[in-house]
């Protein structure tokens, strides 16, 4: 019985220790959950920034896209989607690579010429509504949305 009396006498110390342990556990769990939330965030997609000058020539059925500023763009990471009156046509990265003379990047001053007749058997007319979308393939995001008009 002497041990029980000693335990009853010191019960307030046990309560303080348990309180500290519980408070420390709660703090560690809070910090852990916040750090999991912060470190699981992937961040913004690395989408290229470029300025593109665009025009089309209806007599030649050609769309011109000229890199006029911003970052160089790897041809393997680029896809061009042309939407003519609601119909979608795709100009993929291997076609862009060939169009640029087998260059691996689209650089300042480089021009992409898409002959719509030879590529898709499409004749462009002045009344057509033509939109061009430049797509960054790694992020699957459109980084340029261009509305073309006749020259």
N, C-alpha and C. Protein backbone atom coordinates (compact mmCIF):
# COMPACT_ATOMS: atom_id res chain seq x y z
N UNK A 1 0.77 -1.19 0.00
CA UNK A 1 0.00 0.00 0.00
C UNK A 1 0.82 1.27 0.00
N UNK A 2 2.04 1.23 0.47
CA UNK A 2 2.79 2.47 0.47
C UNK A 2 2.99 3.00 -0.94
N UNK A 3 3.06 2.13 -1.94
CA UNK A 3 3.27 2.60 -3.32
C UNK A 3 2.03 3.33 -3.85
N UNK A 4 0.86 2.90 -3.47
CA UNK A 4 -0.37 3.53 -3.92
C UNK A 4 -0.49 4.92 -3.32
N UNK A 5 -0.14 5.05 -2.05
CA UNK A 5 -0.21 6.37 -1.43
C UNK A 5 0.76 7.32 -2.12
N UNK A 6 1.93 6.80 -2.47
CA UNK A 6 2.92 7.64 -3.15
C UNK A 6 2.40 8.07 -4.53
N UNK A 7 1.72 7.13 -5.22
CA UNK A 7 1.17 7.43 -6.55
C UNK A 7 0.05 8.48 -6.45
N UNK A 8 -0.81 8.34 -5.45
CA UNK A 8 -1.92 9.28 -5.28
C UNK A 8 -1.38 10.66 -4.93
N UNK A 9 -0.31 10.71 -4.18
CA UNK A 9 0.29 11.98 -3.82
C UNK A 9 0.87 12.70 -5.05
N UNK A 10 1.40 11.94 -6.02
CA UNK A 10 2.08 12.53 -7.19
C UNK A 10 1.21 12.52 -8.45
N UNK A 11 -0.10 12.36 -8.32
CA UNK A 11 -0.96 12.28 -9.50
C UNK A 11 -1.02 13.57 -10.29
N UNK A 12 -0.81 14.71 -9.69
CA UNK A 12 -0.82 15.97 -10.42
C UNK A 12 0.36 16.07 -11.37
N UNK A 13 1.47 15.50 -11.04
CA UNK A 13 2.64 15.51 -11.92
C UNK A 13 2.39 14.66 -13.15
N UNK A 14 1.72 13.53 -13.00
CA UNK A 14 1.39 12.66 -14.12
C UNK A 14 0.45 13.40 -15.07
N UNK A 15 -0.48 14.11 -14.56
CA UNK A 15 -1.42 14.86 -15.37
C UNK A 15 -0.73 15.95 -16.18
N UNK A 16 0.25 16.63 -15.59
CA UNK A 16 1.01 17.65 -16.33
C UNK A 16 1.82 17.05 -17.47
N UNK A 17 2.44 15.92 -17.22
CA UNK A 17 3.25 15.25 -18.25
C UNK A 17 2.34 14.80 -19.40
N UNK A 18 1.20 14.19 -19.09
CA UNK A 18 0.29 13.74 -20.14
C UNK A 18 -0.24 14.93 -20.95
N UNK A 19 -0.49 16.04 -20.30
CA UNK A 19 -0.94 17.23 -21.01
C UNK A 19 0.10 17.73 -22.00
N UNK A 20 1.36 17.74 -21.57
CA UNK A 20 2.46 18.17 -22.46
C UNK A 20 2.60 17.22 -23.65
N UNK A 21 2.50 15.92 -23.38
CA UNK A 21 2.61 14.93 -24.46
C UNK A 21 1.47 15.13 -25.47
N UNK A 22 0.26 15.33 -25.00
CA UNK A 22 -0.87 15.55 -25.90
C UNK A 22 -0.73 16.84 -26.70
N UNK A 23 -0.29 17.91 -26.07
CA UNK A 23 -0.09 19.18 -26.78
C UNK A 23 1.00 19.05 -27.85
N UNK A 24 2.09 18.35 -27.51
CA UNK A 24 3.17 18.14 -28.48
C UNK A 24 2.67 17.30 -29.66
N UNK A 25 1.88 16.28 -29.39
CA UNK A 25 1.33 15.44 -30.45
C UNK A 25 0.43 16.25 -31.38
N UNK A 26 -0.41 17.07 -30.83
CA UNK A 26 -1.30 17.91 -31.64
C UNK A 26 -0.50 18.87 -32.50
N UNK A 27 0.53 19.49 -31.93
CA UNK A 27 1.36 20.44 -32.69
C UNK A 27 2.08 19.73 -33.83
N UNK A 28 2.63 18.54 -33.57
CA UNK A 28 3.33 17.79 -34.62
C UNK A 28 2.36 17.40 -35.73
N UNK A 29 1.16 16.96 -35.39
CA UNK A 29 0.18 16.59 -36.40
C UNK A 29 -0.25 17.80 -37.24
N UNK A 30 -0.42 18.93 -36.62
CA UNK A 30 -0.78 20.15 -37.37
C UNK A 30 0.31 20.56 -38.34
N UNK A 31 1.53 20.58 -37.86
CA UNK A 31 2.66 20.96 -38.72
C UNK A 31 2.83 19.96 -39.85
N UNK A 32 2.66 18.68 -39.56
CA UNK A 32 2.79 17.64 -40.59
C UNK A 32 1.72 17.80 -41.66
N UNK A 33 0.50 18.04 -41.26
CA UNK A 33 -0.58 18.18 -42.26
C UNK A 33 -0.37 19.42 -43.12
N UNK A 34 0.10 20.51 -42.53
CA UNK A 34 0.37 21.72 -43.32
C UNK A 34 1.51 21.48 -44.29
N UNK A 35 2.57 20.80 -43.86
CA UNK A 35 3.71 20.55 -44.75
C UNK A 35 3.33 19.60 -45.88
N UNK A 36 2.49 18.61 -45.62
CA UNK A 36 2.03 17.71 -46.68
C UNK A 36 1.23 18.50 -47.71
N UNK A 37 0.39 19.40 -47.26
CA UNK A 37 -0.41 20.23 -48.16
C UNK A 37 0.48 21.11 -49.02
N UNK A 38 1.50 21.73 -48.43
CA UNK A 38 2.37 22.65 -49.16
C UNK A 38 3.26 21.91 -50.15
N UNK A 39 3.87 20.80 -49.73
CA UNK A 39 4.82 20.11 -50.58
C UNK A 39 4.17 19.23 -51.64
N UNK A 40 2.89 18.97 -51.53
CA UNK A 40 2.21 18.19 -52.56
C UNK A 40 1.76 19.06 -53.74
N UNK A 41 1.85 20.36 -53.61
CA UNK A 41 1.46 21.27 -54.68
C UNK A 41 2.51 21.24 -55.78
N UNK A 42 2.09 20.97 -57.02
CA UNK A 42 3.02 20.85 -58.14
C UNK A 42 3.52 22.20 -58.64
N UNK A 43 2.78 23.23 -58.40
CA UNK A 43 3.18 24.54 -58.90
C UNK A 43 2.60 24.79 -60.28
N UNK A 44 2.90 25.94 -60.79
CA UNK A 44 2.39 26.33 -62.09
C UNK A 44 3.10 25.56 -63.19
N UNK A 45 2.36 25.26 -64.24
CA UNK A 45 2.95 24.59 -65.38
C UNK A 45 3.89 25.55 -66.09
N UNK A 46 4.99 25.01 -66.57
CA UNK A 46 5.97 25.83 -67.26
C UNK A 46 5.55 25.97 -68.72
N UNK A 47 4.74 26.97 -68.99
CA UNK A 47 4.22 27.21 -70.33
C UNK A 47 5.10 28.28 -70.99
N UNK A 48 5.54 28.04 -72.23
CA UNK A 48 6.41 29.03 -72.88
C UNK A 48 5.69 30.34 -73.16
N UNK A 49 6.46 31.39 -73.20
CA UNK A 49 5.94 32.72 -73.52
C UNK A 49 6.60 33.15 -74.83
N UNK A 50 5.77 33.42 -75.82
CA UNK A 50 6.31 33.83 -77.11
C UNK A 50 5.32 34.76 -77.80
N UNK A 51 5.86 35.64 -78.61
CA UNK A 51 5.02 36.50 -79.44
C UNK A 51 5.07 35.95 -80.87
N UNK A 52 3.91 35.84 -81.46
CA UNK A 52 3.82 35.27 -82.80
C UNK A 52 3.06 36.23 -83.69
N UNK A 53 3.66 36.52 -84.84
CA UNK A 53 2.98 37.33 -85.85
C UNK A 53 2.33 36.35 -86.83
N UNK A 54 1.04 36.55 -87.10
CA UNK A 54 0.31 35.60 -87.91
C UNK A 54 -0.41 36.30 -89.05
N UNK A 55 -0.48 35.63 -90.18
CA UNK A 55 -1.28 36.09 -91.31
C UNK A 55 -1.50 34.92 -92.25
N UNK A 56 -2.43 35.11 -93.20
CA UNK A 56 -2.67 34.06 -94.18
C UNK A 56 -2.86 34.67 -95.56
N UNK A 57 -2.53 33.88 -96.54
CA UNK A 57 -2.66 34.28 -97.94
C UNK A 57 -3.65 33.31 -98.58
N UNK A 58 -4.85 33.83 -98.91
CA UNK A 58 -5.89 32.95 -99.46
C UNK A 58 -5.59 32.50 -100.88
N UNK A 59 -4.80 33.27 -101.63
CA UNK A 59 -4.47 32.88 -103.00
C UNK A 59 -3.51 31.69 -103.01
N UNK A 60 -2.62 31.63 -102.02
CA UNK A 60 -1.67 30.52 -101.93
C UNK A 60 -2.13 29.43 -100.95
N UNK A 61 -3.27 29.66 -100.26
CA UNK A 61 -3.76 28.73 -99.25
C UNK A 61 -2.70 28.44 -98.20
N UNK A 62 -2.08 29.50 -97.73
CA UNK A 62 -0.97 29.35 -96.79
C UNK A 62 -1.20 30.18 -95.54
N UNK A 63 -0.89 29.58 -94.40
CA UNK A 63 -0.91 30.26 -93.11
C UNK A 63 0.54 30.48 -92.70
N UNK A 64 0.84 31.71 -92.31
CA UNK A 64 2.19 32.07 -91.89
C UNK A 64 2.20 32.37 -90.39
N UNK A 65 3.17 31.81 -89.70
CA UNK A 65 3.38 32.07 -88.28
C UNK A 65 4.85 32.41 -88.09
N UNK A 66 5.12 33.62 -87.65
CA UNK A 66 6.51 34.06 -87.47
C UNK A 66 6.78 34.34 -86.00
N UNK A 67 7.84 33.74 -85.50
CA UNK A 67 8.26 33.95 -84.10
C UNK A 67 8.86 35.35 -84.03
N UNK A 68 8.21 36.25 -83.26
CA UNK A 68 8.67 37.64 -83.23
C UNK A 68 9.10 38.11 -81.85
N UNK A 69 9.25 37.19 -80.92
CA UNK A 69 9.73 37.58 -79.59
C UNK A 69 9.42 36.53 -78.55
N UNK A 70 10.13 36.61 -77.44
CA UNK A 70 9.89 35.68 -76.34
C UNK A 70 10.85 34.52 -76.37
N UNK A 71 10.46 33.44 -75.72
CA UNK A 71 11.32 32.27 -75.56
C UNK A 71 11.40 31.46 -76.85
N UNK A 72 12.53 30.76 -77.02
CA UNK A 72 12.63 29.77 -78.08
C UNK A 72 11.78 28.58 -77.67
N UNK A 73 11.15 27.91 -78.63
CA UNK A 73 10.25 26.81 -78.34
C UNK A 73 10.78 25.55 -79.03
N UNK A 74 10.94 24.48 -78.24
CA UNK A 74 11.37 23.20 -78.81
C UNK A 74 10.28 22.68 -79.74
N UNK A 75 10.68 22.25 -80.92
CA UNK A 75 9.69 21.78 -81.89
C UNK A 75 9.00 20.50 -81.41
N UNK A 76 9.68 19.69 -80.62
CA UNK A 76 9.05 18.46 -80.14
C UNK A 76 7.98 18.74 -79.07
N UNK A 77 8.01 19.94 -78.49
CA UNK A 77 7.03 20.31 -77.47
C UNK A 77 5.89 21.15 -78.02
N UNK A 78 5.84 21.33 -79.34
CA UNK A 78 4.87 22.22 -79.95
C UNK A 78 3.92 21.46 -80.87
N UNK A 79 2.65 21.83 -80.80
CA UNK A 79 1.65 21.33 -81.73
C UNK A 79 0.79 22.51 -82.15
N UNK A 80 0.46 22.57 -83.42
CA UNK A 80 -0.36 23.66 -83.94
C UNK A 80 -1.71 23.07 -84.36
N UNK A 81 -2.78 23.66 -83.83
CA UNK A 81 -4.12 23.23 -84.20
C UNK A 81 -4.76 24.38 -84.95
N UNK A 82 -5.24 24.10 -86.16
CA UNK A 82 -5.90 25.10 -86.99
C UNK A 82 -7.38 24.75 -87.03
N UNK A 83 -8.21 25.71 -86.70
CA UNK A 83 -9.65 25.53 -86.69
C UNK A 83 -10.23 26.42 -87.78
N UNK A 84 -10.77 25.80 -88.82
CA UNK A 84 -11.37 26.54 -89.93
C UNK A 84 -12.86 26.24 -89.94
N UNK A 85 -13.66 27.28 -89.63
CA UNK A 85 -15.11 27.15 -89.59
C UNK A 85 -15.57 25.96 -88.75
N UNK A 86 -14.91 25.72 -87.63
CA UNK A 86 -15.31 24.65 -86.72
C UNK A 86 -14.68 23.30 -87.00
N UNK A 87 -13.94 23.17 -88.08
CA UNK A 87 -13.26 21.91 -88.38
C UNK A 87 -11.81 22.01 -87.92
N UNK A 88 -11.38 20.99 -87.19
CA UNK A 88 -10.06 21.00 -86.55
C UNK A 88 -9.04 20.25 -87.40
N UNK A 89 -7.89 20.89 -87.61
CA UNK A 89 -6.77 20.28 -88.32
C UNK A 89 -5.53 20.39 -87.44
N UNK A 90 -4.72 19.33 -87.39
CA UNK A 90 -3.56 19.30 -86.50
C UNK A 90 -2.28 19.28 -87.33
N UNK A 91 -1.35 20.12 -86.92
CA UNK A 91 -0.02 20.18 -87.52
C UNK A 91 0.93 19.77 -86.40
N UNK A 92 1.43 18.54 -86.45
CA UNK A 92 2.17 18.00 -85.30
C UNK A 92 3.64 18.41 -85.27
N UNK A 93 4.33 17.99 -84.22
CA UNK A 93 5.71 18.44 -83.99
C UNK A 93 6.67 17.97 -85.07
N UNK A 94 6.48 16.80 -85.63
CA UNK A 94 7.39 16.35 -86.69
C UNK A 94 7.21 17.18 -87.96
N UNK A 95 5.98 17.60 -88.25
CA UNK A 95 5.75 18.47 -89.40
C UNK A 95 6.36 19.86 -89.16
N UNK A 96 6.28 20.35 -87.94
CA UNK A 96 6.90 21.65 -87.60
C UNK A 96 8.41 21.56 -87.75
N UNK A 97 8.98 20.46 -87.26
CA UNK A 97 10.43 20.23 -87.35
C UNK A 97 10.88 20.26 -88.82
N UNK A 98 10.16 19.58 -89.68
CA UNK A 98 10.48 19.55 -91.11
C UNK A 98 10.28 20.93 -91.73
N UNK A 99 9.21 21.63 -91.38
CA UNK A 99 8.90 22.94 -91.93
C UNK A 99 9.98 23.96 -91.60
N UNK A 100 10.60 23.83 -90.42
CA UNK A 100 11.66 24.77 -90.01
C UNK A 100 13.04 24.36 -90.51
N UNK A 101 13.10 23.42 -91.42
CA UNK A 101 14.39 23.00 -91.97
C UNK A 101 15.15 22.11 -91.01
N UNK A 102 14.44 21.21 -90.34
CA UNK A 102 15.01 20.26 -89.38
C UNK A 102 15.69 20.93 -88.20
N UNK A 103 15.15 22.05 -87.77
CA UNK A 103 15.64 22.73 -86.56
C UNK A 103 14.87 22.20 -85.36
N UNK A 104 15.58 22.04 -84.24
CA UNK A 104 14.94 21.50 -83.04
C UNK A 104 14.23 22.57 -82.22
N UNK A 105 14.41 23.84 -82.59
CA UNK A 105 13.70 24.89 -81.85
C UNK A 105 13.21 25.97 -82.82
N UNK A 106 12.09 26.56 -82.43
CA UNK A 106 11.49 27.66 -83.18
C UNK A 106 12.02 28.94 -82.54
N UNK A 107 12.86 29.65 -83.27
CA UNK A 107 13.59 30.79 -82.73
C UNK A 107 13.10 32.09 -83.33
N UNK A 108 13.60 33.18 -82.77
CA UNK A 108 13.25 34.52 -83.21
C UNK A 108 13.49 34.67 -84.72
N UNK A 109 12.48 35.12 -85.43
CA UNK A 109 12.60 35.34 -86.87
C UNK A 109 12.25 34.13 -87.72
N UNK A 110 12.14 32.95 -87.12
CA UNK A 110 11.78 31.75 -87.88
C UNK A 110 10.31 31.80 -88.27
N UNK A 111 10.02 31.32 -89.46
CA UNK A 111 8.66 31.36 -89.98
C UNK A 111 8.18 29.95 -90.31
N UNK A 112 6.99 29.64 -89.85
CA UNK A 112 6.33 28.38 -90.19
C UNK A 112 5.29 28.70 -91.25
N UNK A 113 5.37 28.01 -92.38
CA UNK A 113 4.42 28.21 -93.47
C UNK A 113 3.63 26.92 -93.65
N UNK A 114 2.34 27.00 -93.41
CA UNK A 114 1.48 25.82 -93.52
C UNK A 114 0.64 25.96 -94.78
N UNK A 115 0.91 25.10 -95.76
CA UNK A 115 0.13 25.07 -96.99
C UNK A 115 -1.09 24.17 -96.74
N UNK A 116 -2.23 24.80 -96.53
CA UNK A 116 -3.42 24.06 -96.13
C UNK A 116 -3.95 23.14 -97.24
N UNK A 117 -3.68 23.51 -98.48
CA UNK A 117 -4.16 22.67 -99.59
C UNK A 117 -3.37 21.37 -99.65
N UNK A 118 -2.04 21.45 -99.56
CA UNK A 118 -1.24 20.22 -99.64
C UNK A 118 -1.32 19.40 -98.35
N UNK A 119 -1.50 20.05 -97.20
CA UNK A 119 -1.55 19.33 -95.92
C UNK A 119 -2.91 18.65 -95.71
N UNK A 120 -3.99 19.40 -95.91
CA UNK A 120 -5.32 18.91 -95.54
C UNK A 120 -6.33 18.99 -96.69
N UNK A 121 -5.85 19.31 -97.90
CA UNK A 121 -6.72 19.47 -99.06
C UNK A 121 -7.81 20.51 -98.76
N UNK A 122 -7.36 21.64 -98.20
CA UNK A 122 -8.27 22.70 -97.77
C UNK A 122 -7.91 24.01 -98.46
N UNK A 123 -8.89 24.58 -99.13
CA UNK A 123 -8.71 25.90 -99.75
C UNK A 123 -9.29 26.95 -98.81
N UNK A 124 -8.46 27.92 -98.44
CA UNK A 124 -8.91 28.99 -97.54
C UNK A 124 -9.52 30.11 -98.36
N UNK A 125 -10.67 30.57 -97.91
CA UNK A 125 -11.34 31.70 -98.55
C UNK A 125 -11.42 32.84 -97.56
N UNK A 126 -11.65 34.04 -98.08
CA UNK A 126 -11.69 35.24 -97.23
C UNK A 126 -12.81 35.18 -96.19
N UNK A 127 -13.90 34.50 -96.51
CA UNK A 127 -15.02 34.44 -95.59
C UNK A 127 -14.82 33.42 -94.47
N UNK A 128 -13.80 32.60 -94.56
CA UNK A 128 -13.56 31.57 -93.54
C UNK A 128 -13.09 32.19 -92.22
N UNK A 129 -13.57 31.62 -91.15
CA UNK A 129 -13.11 32.00 -89.82
C UNK A 129 -11.98 31.03 -89.44
N UNK A 130 -10.77 31.57 -89.30
CA UNK A 130 -9.60 30.73 -89.05
C UNK A 130 -8.98 31.11 -87.70
N UNK A 131 -8.90 30.12 -86.81
CA UNK A 131 -8.23 30.28 -85.52
C UNK A 131 -7.08 29.29 -85.45
N UNK A 132 -5.97 29.76 -84.91
CA UNK A 132 -4.79 28.91 -84.76
C UNK A 132 -4.45 28.86 -83.28
N UNK A 133 -4.23 27.65 -82.78
CA UNK A 133 -3.88 27.45 -81.37
C UNK A 133 -2.49 26.82 -81.31
N UNK A 134 -1.59 27.46 -80.59
CA UNK A 134 -0.27 26.89 -80.35
C UNK A 134 -0.32 26.19 -79.00
N UNK A 135 -0.02 24.90 -78.99
CA UNK A 135 -0.19 24.09 -77.79
C UNK A 135 1.17 23.59 -77.31
N UNK A 136 1.44 23.79 -76.02
CA UNK A 136 2.62 23.25 -75.37
C UNK A 136 2.28 21.81 -74.97
N UNK A 137 2.91 20.83 -75.59
CA UNK A 137 2.55 19.44 -75.39
C UNK A 137 2.85 18.91 -73.99
N UNK A 138 3.97 19.27 -73.33
CA UNK A 138 4.20 18.73 -71.98
C UNK A 138 3.11 19.14 -70.98
N UNK A 139 2.65 20.37 -71.07
CA UNK A 139 1.62 20.84 -70.12
C UNK A 139 0.22 20.71 -70.69
N UNK A 140 0.10 20.42 -71.99
CA UNK A 140 -1.19 20.33 -72.68
C UNK A 140 -1.99 21.62 -72.57
N UNK A 141 -1.29 22.75 -72.62
CA UNK A 141 -1.96 24.05 -72.50
C UNK A 141 -1.75 24.87 -73.77
N UNK A 142 -2.77 25.65 -74.11
CA UNK A 142 -2.68 26.57 -75.24
C UNK A 142 -1.95 27.81 -74.75
N UNK A 143 -0.84 28.16 -75.41
CA UNK A 143 -0.12 29.36 -75.00
C UNK A 143 -0.30 30.50 -75.98
N UNK A 144 -0.89 30.26 -77.12
CA UNK A 144 -1.25 31.31 -78.06
C UNK A 144 -2.55 30.93 -78.75
N UNK A 145 -3.46 31.87 -78.82
CA UNK A 145 -4.72 31.71 -79.54
C UNK A 145 -4.76 32.84 -80.56
N UNK A 146 -4.63 32.48 -81.84
CA UNK A 146 -4.50 33.48 -82.89
C UNK A 146 -5.71 33.46 -83.81
N UNK A 147 -6.26 34.62 -84.11
CA UNK A 147 -7.35 34.73 -85.09
C UNK A 147 -6.77 35.34 -86.35
N UNK A 148 -6.89 34.62 -87.43
CA UNK A 148 -6.24 35.04 -88.68
C UNK A 148 -7.20 35.80 -89.58
N UNK A 149 -6.59 36.71 -90.29
CA UNK A 149 -7.33 37.45 -91.31
C UNK A 149 -6.52 37.37 -92.60
N UNK A 150 -7.16 37.68 -93.73
CA UNK A 150 -6.47 37.60 -95.01
C UNK A 150 -5.52 38.76 -95.17
N UNK A 151 -4.51 38.53 -95.97
CA UNK A 151 -3.50 39.57 -96.25
C UNK A 151 -3.90 40.41 -97.42
